[in-house]
Structures are given as C-alpha cells and as structure tokens.
Amino acid sequence: MVLSISGVLLFGVIGFVFFRKGELKLSHAAVCALFGFYLAGTAVGPSIQAGSDKLANLLGGITL
C-alpha cells in the first residue's frame, strides 16, 4: 500500500508538471499511464471506476 501511494504521488506530480509545461510527449503520456495504473490500485480506484461508469451512462443516454 505504501508503495502504491508513493507511486501515485510521484506520477501525479510528474504528470502535473508535464501538463503545466504544455508539452505532452510520448514519454509524458507513458508517465500519465503509469499514474493511472497506480491510482487504480489504491482505495480511490473503485470510486473513480464507479464515477466514470456513471458519466459514460449519462453521456450515452444523450440523444441529439
């Protein structure tokens, strides 16, 4: 658990710095993917999954 939280913090900070610089290259995208991977393994992962499922259902129900 400690390693997961450390990884989440590390990759979160690195991803934020890349975003603020305005340069999202392939290496930056890989760091962001690793951030998502480690974030999914924490206690917040199921909440994020449930929220994204609800958002997808909401957007899927919109008819134009």
PDB file of N, CA and C in Angstrom:
ATOM      1  N   MET A   1       0.821  -1.190   0.000  1.00  0.00           N
ATOM      2  CA  MET A   1       0.000   0.000   0.000  1.00  0.00           C
ATOM      3  C   MET A   1       0.867   1.256   0.000  1.00  0.00           C
ATOM      4  N   VAL A   2       1.940   1.271   0.778  1.00  0.00           N
ATOM      5  CA  VAL A   2       2.805   2.441   0.845  1.00  0.00           C
ATOM      6  C   VAL A   2       3.450   2.698  -0.502  1.00  0.00           C
ATOM      7  N   LEU A   3       3.858   1.620  -1.181  1.00  0.00           N
ATOM      8  CA  LEU A   3       4.460   1.762  -2.497  1.00  0.00           C
ATOM      9  C   LEU A   3       3.456   2.319  -3.499  1.00  0.00           C
ATOM     10  N   SER A   4       2.206   1.897  -3.427  1.00  0.00           N
ATOM     11  CA  SER A   4       1.181   2.393  -4.339  1.00  0.00           C
ATOM     12  C   SER A   4       0.934   3.876  -4.138  1.00  0.00           C
ATOM     13  N   ILE A   5       0.834   4.302  -2.889  1.00  0.00           N
ATOM     14  CA  ILE A   5       0.593   5.718  -2.606  1.00  0.00           C
ATOM     15  C   ILE A   5       1.792   6.546  -3.037  1.00  0.00           C
ATOM     16  N   SER A   6       2.985   6.048  -2.795  1.00  0.00           N
ATOM     17  CA  SER A   6       4.183   6.762  -3.236  1.00  0.00           C
ATOM     18  C   SER A   6       4.215   6.881  -4.751  1.00  0.00           C
ATOM     19  N   GLY A   7       3.868   5.812  -5.429  1.00  0.00           N
ATOM     20  CA  GLY A   7       3.832   5.836  -6.887  1.00  0.00           C
ATOM     21  C   GLY A   7       2.782   6.799  -7.404  1.00  0.00           C
ATOM     22  N   VAL A   8       1.623   6.825  -6.760  1.00  0.00           N
ATOM     23  CA  VAL A   8       0.558   7.739  -7.164  1.00  0.00           C
ATOM     24  C   VAL A   8       1.016   9.179  -7.007  1.00  0.00           C
ATOM     25  N   LEU A   9       1.618   9.485  -5.879  1.00  0.00           N
ATOM     26  CA  LEU A   9       2.093  10.851  -5.654  1.00  0.00           C
ATOM     27  C   LEU A   9       3.185  11.226  -6.637  1.00  0.00           C
ATOM     28  N   LEU A  10       4.129  10.332  -6.839  1.00  0.00           N
ATOM     29  CA  LEU A  10       5.233  10.604  -7.746  1.00  0.00           C
ATOM     30  C   LEU A  10       4.740  10.852  -9.166  1.00  0.00           C
ATOM     31  N   PHE A  11       3.949   9.932  -9.699  1.00  0.00           N
ATOM     32  CA  PHE A  11       3.479  10.071 -11.063  1.00  0.00           C
ATOM     33  C   PHE A  11       2.459  11.198 -11.200  1.00  0.00           C
ATOM     34  N   GLY A  12       1.710  11.483 -10.144  1.00  0.00           N
ATOM     35  CA  GLY A  12       0.786  12.612 -10.172  1.00  0.00           C
ATOM     36  C   GLY A  12       1.512  13.937 -10.290  1.00  0.00           C
ATOM     37  N   VAL A  13       2.574  14.103  -9.506  1.00  0.00           N
ATOM     38  CA  VAL A  13       3.362  15.334  -9.567  1.00  0.00           C
ATOM     39  C   VAL A  13       4.045  15.469 -10.925  1.00  0.00           C
ATOM     40  N   ILE A  14       4.629  14.387 -11.404  1.00  0.00           N
ATOM     41  CA  ILE A  14       5.307  14.431 -12.701  1.00  0.00           C
ATOM     42  C   ILE A  14       4.309  14.738 -13.821  1.00  0.00           C
ATOM     43  N   GLY A  15       3.144  14.111 -13.788  1.00  0.00           N
ATOM     44  CA  GLY A  15       2.121  14.382 -14.799  1.00  0.00           C
ATOM     45  C   GLY A  15       1.641  15.827 -14.752  1.00  0.00           C
ATOM     46  N   PHE A  16       1.488  16.381 -13.542  1.00  0.00           N
ATOM     47  CA  PHE A  16       1.069  17.773 -13.402  1.00  0.00           C
ATOM     48  C   PHE A  16       2.121  18.723 -13.978  1.00  0.00           C
ATOM     49  N   VAL A  17       3.392  18.436 -13.712  1.00  0.00           N
ATOM     50  CA  VAL A  17       4.465  19.273 -14.244  1.00  0.00           C
ATOM     51  C   VAL A  17       4.471  19.228 -15.770  1.00  0.00           C
ATOM     52  N   PHE A  18       4.310  18.050 -16.338  1.00  0.00           N
ATOM     53  CA  PHE A  18       4.270  17.924 -17.795  1.00  0.00           C
ATOM     54  C   PHE A  18       3.084  18.698 -18.368  1.00  0.00           C
ATOM     55  N   PHE A  19       1.956  18.630 -17.696  1.00  0.00           N
ATOM     56  CA  PHE A  19       0.769  19.339 -18.167  1.00  0.00           C
ATOM     57  C   PHE A  19       0.981  20.849 -18.126  1.00  0.00           C
ATOM     58  N   ARG A  20       1.587  21.337 -17.052  1.00  0.00           N
ATOM     59  CA  ARG A  20       1.816  22.781 -16.913  1.00  0.00           C
ATOM     60  C   ARG A  20       2.827  23.302 -17.939  1.00  0.00           C
ATOM     61  N   LYS A  21       3.768  22.472 -18.317  1.00  0.00           N
ATOM     62  CA  LYS A  21       4.752  22.888 -19.324  1.00  0.00           C
ATOM     63  C   LYS A  21       4.115  22.995 -20.701  1.00  0.00           C
ATOM     64  N   GLY A  22       2.995  22.337 -20.910  1.00  0.00           N
ATOM     65  CA  GLY A  22       2.325  22.391 -22.199  1.00  0.00           C
ATOM     66  C   GLY A  22       2.925  21.468 -23.234  1.00  0.00           C
ATOM     67  N   GLU A  23       3.791  20.584 -22.821  1.00  0.00           N
ATOM     68  CA  GLU A  23       4.429  19.660 -23.747  1.00  0.00           C
ATOM     69  C   GLU A  23       4.138  18.232 -23.305  1.00  0.00           C
ATOM     70  N   LEU A  24       3.177  17.621 -23.928  1.00  0.00           N
ATOM     71  CA  LEU A  24       2.861  16.238 -23.585  1.00  0.00           C
ATOM     72  C   LEU A  24       3.393  15.349 -24.696  1.00  0.00           C
ATOM     73  N   LYS A  25       4.576  14.818 -24.477  1.00  0.00           N
ATOM     74  CA  LYS A  25       5.224  13.955 -25.460  1.00  0.00           C
ATOM     75  C   LYS A  25       4.913  12.495 -25.143  1.00  0.00           C
ATOM     76  N   LEU A  26       5.479  11.584 -25.924  1.00  0.00           N
ATOM     77  CA  LEU A  26       5.234  10.162 -25.711  1.00  0.00           C
ATOM     78  C   LEU A  26       5.705   9.717 -24.336  1.00  0.00           C
ATOM     79  N   SER A  27       6.854  10.207 -23.900  1.00  0.00           N
ATOM     80  CA  SER A  27       7.345   9.846 -22.570  1.00  0.00           C
ATOM     81  C   SER A  27       6.426  10.394 -21.485  1.00  0.00           C
ATOM     82  N   HIS A  28       5.877  11.563 -21.711  1.00  0.00           N
ATOM     83  CA  HIS A  28       4.952  12.143 -20.743  1.00  0.00           C
ATOM     84  C   HIS A  28       3.661  11.330 -20.672  1.00  0.00           C
ATOM     85  N   ALA A  29       3.196  10.901 -21.816  1.00  0.00           N
ATOM     86  CA  ALA A  29       1.989  10.081 -21.849  1.00  0.00           C
ATOM     87  C   ALA A  29       2.217   8.754 -21.122  1.00  0.00           C
ATOM     88  N   ALA A  30       3.419   8.197 -21.228  1.00  0.00           N
ATOM     89  CA  ALA A  30       3.736   6.951 -20.518  1.00  0.00           C
ATOM     90  C   ALA A  30       3.705   7.176 -19.014  1.00  0.00           C
ATOM     91  N   VAL A  31       4.207   8.301 -18.546  1.00  0.00           N
ATOM     92  CA  VAL A  31       4.163   8.616 -17.118  1.00  0.00           C
ATOM     93  C   VAL A  31       2.720   8.755 -16.653  1.00  0.00           C
ATOM     94  N   CYS A  32       1.889   9.406 -17.464  1.00  0.00           N
ATOM     95  CA  CYS A  32       0.478   9.551 -17.112  1.00  0.00           C
ATOM     96  C   CYS A  32      -0.232   8.195 -17.083  1.00  0.00           C
ATOM     97  N   ALA A  33       0.127   7.312 -17.986  1.00  0.00           N
ATOM     98  CA  ALA A  33      -0.453   5.966 -17.980  1.00  0.00           C
ATOM     99  C   ALA A  33      -0.042   5.199 -16.727  1.00  0.00           C
ATOM    100  N   LEU A  34       1.217   5.325 -16.335  1.00  0.00           N
ATOM    101  CA  LEU A  34       1.662   4.683 -15.097  1.00  0.00           C
ATOM    102  C   LEU A  34       0.952   5.276 -13.884  1.00  0.00           C
ATOM    103  N   PHE A  35       0.706   6.582 -13.890  1.00  0.00           N
ATOM    104  CA  PHE A  35      -0.036   7.219 -12.821  1.00  0.00           C
ATOM    105  C   PHE A  35      -1.430   6.612 -12.705  1.00  0.00           C
ATOM    106  N   GLY A  36      -2.094   6.434 -13.833  1.00  0.00           N
ATOM    107  CA  GLY A  36      -3.419   5.817 -13.822  1.00  0.00           C
ATOM    108  C   GLY A  36      -3.382   4.377 -13.345  1.00  0.00           C
ATOM    109  N   PHE A  37      -2.349   3.656 -13.731  1.00  0.00           N
ATOM    110  CA  PHE A  37      -2.199   2.275 -13.298  1.00  0.00           C
ATOM    111  C   PHE A  37      -2.051   2.189 -11.782  1.00  0.00           C
ATOM    112  N   TYR A  38      -1.194   3.018 -11.211  1.00  0.00           N
ATOM    113  CA  TYR A  38      -1.001   3.004  -9.764  1.00  0.00           C
ATOM    114  C   TYR A  38      -2.216   3.562  -9.023  1.00  0.00           C
ATOM    115  N   LEU A  39      -2.895   4.543  -9.583  1.00  0.00           N
ATOM    116  CA  LEU A  39      -4.081   5.110  -8.954  1.00  0.00           C
ATOM    117  C   LEU A  39      -5.195   4.079  -8.879  1.00  0.00           C
ATOM    118  N   ALA A  40      -5.307   3.231  -9.889  1.00  0.00           N
ATOM    119  CA  ALA A  40      -6.347   2.201  -9.891  1.00  0.00           C
ATOM    120  C   ALA A  40      -6.137   1.178  -8.775  1.00  0.00           C
ATOM    121  N   GLY A  41      -4.901   1.017  -8.319  1.00  0.00           N
ATOM    122  CA  GLY A  41      -4.607   0.050  -7.272  1.00  0.00           C
ATOM    123  C   GLY A  41      -4.826   0.573  -5.865  1.00  0.00           C
ATOM    124  N   THR A  42      -5.184   1.850  -5.722  1.00  0.00           N
ATOM    125  CA  THR A  42      -5.405   2.424  -4.404  1.00  0.00           C
ATOM    126  C   THR A  42      -6.871   2.288  -4.016  1.00  0.00           C
ATOM    127  N   ALA A  43      -7.209   2.786  -2.838  1.00  0.00           N
ATOM    128  CA  ALA A  43      -8.588   2.727  -2.361  1.00  0.00           C
ATOM    129  C   ALA A  43      -9.513   3.639  -3.151  1.00  0.00           C
ATOM    130  N   VAL A  44      -8.971   4.584  -3.875  1.00  0.00           N
ATOM    131  CA  VAL A  44      -9.765   5.516  -4.667  1.00  0.00           C
ATOM    132  C   VAL A  44     -10.201   4.887  -5.998  1.00  0.00           C
ATOM    133  N   GLY A  45      -9.532   3.841  -6.415  1.00  0.00           N
ATOM    134  CA  GLY A  45      -9.792   3.207  -7.706  1.00  0.00           C
ATOM    135  C   GLY A  45     -11.248   2.831  -7.943  1.00  0.00           C
ATOM    136  N   PRO A  46     -11.903   2.119  -7.022  1.00  0.00           N
ATOM    137  CA  PRO A  46     -13.307   1.761  -7.249  1.00  0.00           C
ATOM    138  C   PRO A  46     -14.233   2.978  -7.360  1.00  0.00           C
ATOM    139  N   SER A  47     -13.956   4.031  -6.608  1.00  0.00           N
ATOM    140  CA  SER A  47     -14.777   5.242  -6.691  1.00  0.00           C
ATOM    141  C   SER A  47     -14.621   5.906  -8.054  1.00  0.00           C
ATOM    142  N   ILE A  48     -13.390   5.953  -8.552  1.00  0.00           N
ATOM    143  CA  ILE A  48     -13.154   6.529  -9.874  1.00  0.00           C
ATOM    144  C   ILE A  48     -13.843   5.687 -10.943  1.00  0.00           C
ATOM    145  N   GLN A  49     -13.778   4.385 -10.810  1.00  0.00           N
ATOM    146  CA  GLN A  49     -14.431   3.491 -11.772  1.00  0.00           C
ATOM    147  C   GLN A  49     -15.942   3.699 -11.766  1.00  0.00           C
ATOM    148  N   ALA A  50     -16.535   3.783 -10.573  1.00  0.00           N
ATOM    149  CA  ALA A  50     -17.983   3.992 -10.479  1.00  0.00           C
ATOM    150  C   ALA A  50     -18.378   5.341 -11.071  1.00  0.00           C
ATOM    151  N   GLY A  51     -17.598   6.377 -10.799  1.00  0.00           N
ATOM    152  CA  GLY A  51     -17.895   7.701 -11.343  1.00  0.00           C
ATOM    153  C   GLY A  51     -17.773   7.748 -12.854  1.00  0.00           C
ATOM    154  N   SER A  52     -16.754   7.098 -13.375  1.00  0.00           N
ATOM    155  CA  SER A  52     -16.592   7.091 -14.830  1.00  0.00           C
ATOM    156  C   SER A  52     -17.673   6.252 -15.505  1.00  0.00           C
ATOM    157  N   ASP A  53     -18.126   5.189 -14.854  1.00  0.00           N
ATOM    158  CA  ASP A  53     -19.240   4.403 -15.401  1.00  0.00           C
ATOM    159  C   ASP A  53     -20.519   5.231 -15.455  1.00  0.00           C
ATOM    160  N   LYS A  54     -20.783   5.989 -14.391  1.00  0.00           N
ATOM    161  CA  LYS A  54     -21.986   6.830 -14.371  1.00  0.00           C
ATOM    162  C   LYS A  54     -21.899   7.922 -15.425  1.00  0.00           C
ATOM    163  N   LEU A  55     -20.728   8.514 -15.591  1.00  0.00           N
ATOM    164  CA  LEU A  55     -20.542   9.542 -16.610  1.00  0.00           C
ATOM    165  C   LEU A  55     -20.746   8.960 -18.009  1.00  0.00           C
ATOM    166  N   ALA A  56     -20.205   7.763 -18.235  1.00  0.00           N
ATOM    167  CA  ALA A  56     -20.368   7.121 -19.543  1.00  0.00           C
ATOM    168  C   ALA A  56     -21.840   6.814 -19.817  1.00  0.00           C
ATOM    169  N   ASN A  57     -22.573   6.361 -18.802  1.00  0.00           N
ATOM    170  CA  ASN A  57     -24.002   6.087 -18.976  1.00  0.00           C
ATOM    171  C   ASN A  57     -24.766   7.367 -19.242  1.00  0.00           C
ATOM    172  N   LEU A  58     -24.393   8.448 -18.564  1.00  0.00           N
ATOM    173  CA  LEU A  58     -25.051   9.724 -18.763  1.00  0.00           C
ATOM    174  C   LEU A  58     -24.808  10.230 -20.183  1.00  0.00           C
ATOM    175  N   LEU A  59     -23.575  10.191 -20.622  1.00  0.00           N
ATOM    176  CA  LEU A  59     -23.250  10.645 -21.973  1.00  0.00           C
ATOM    177  C   LEU A  59     -23.841   9.740 -23.040  1.00  0.00           C
ATOM    178  N   GLY A  60     -23.939   8.452 -22.738  1.00  0.00           N
ATOM    179  CA  GLY A  60     -24.526   7.509 -23.691  1.00  0.00           C
ATOM    180  C   GLY A  60     -26.020   7.698 -23.859  1.00  0.00           C
ATOM    181  N   GLY A  61     -26.658   8.272 -22.853  1.00  0.00           N
ATOM    182  CA  GLY A  61     -28.100   8.475 -22.927  1.00  0.00           C
ATOM    183  C   GLY A  61     -28.507   9.756 -23.610  1.00  0.00           C
ATOM    184  N   ILE A  62     -27.560  10.601 -23.962  1.00  0.00           N
ATOM    185  CA  ILE A  62     -27.876  11.864 -24.628  1.00  0.00           C
ATOM    186  C   ILE A  62     -28.172  11.605 -26.098  1.00  0.00           C
ATOM    187  N   THR A  63     -29.312  12.089 -26.539  1.00  0.00           N
ATOM    188  CA  THR A  63     -29.666  11.969 -27.952  1.00  0.00           C
ATOM    189  C   THR A  63     -29.731  13.367 -28.556  1.00  0.00           C
ATOM    190  N   LEU A  64     -29.224  13.470 -29.760  1.00  0.00           N
ATOM    191  CA  LEU A  64     -29.213  14.770 -30.440  1.00  0.00           C
ATOM    192  C   LEU A  64     -30.216  14.811 -31.541  1.00  0.00           C
TER     193      LEU A  64
END
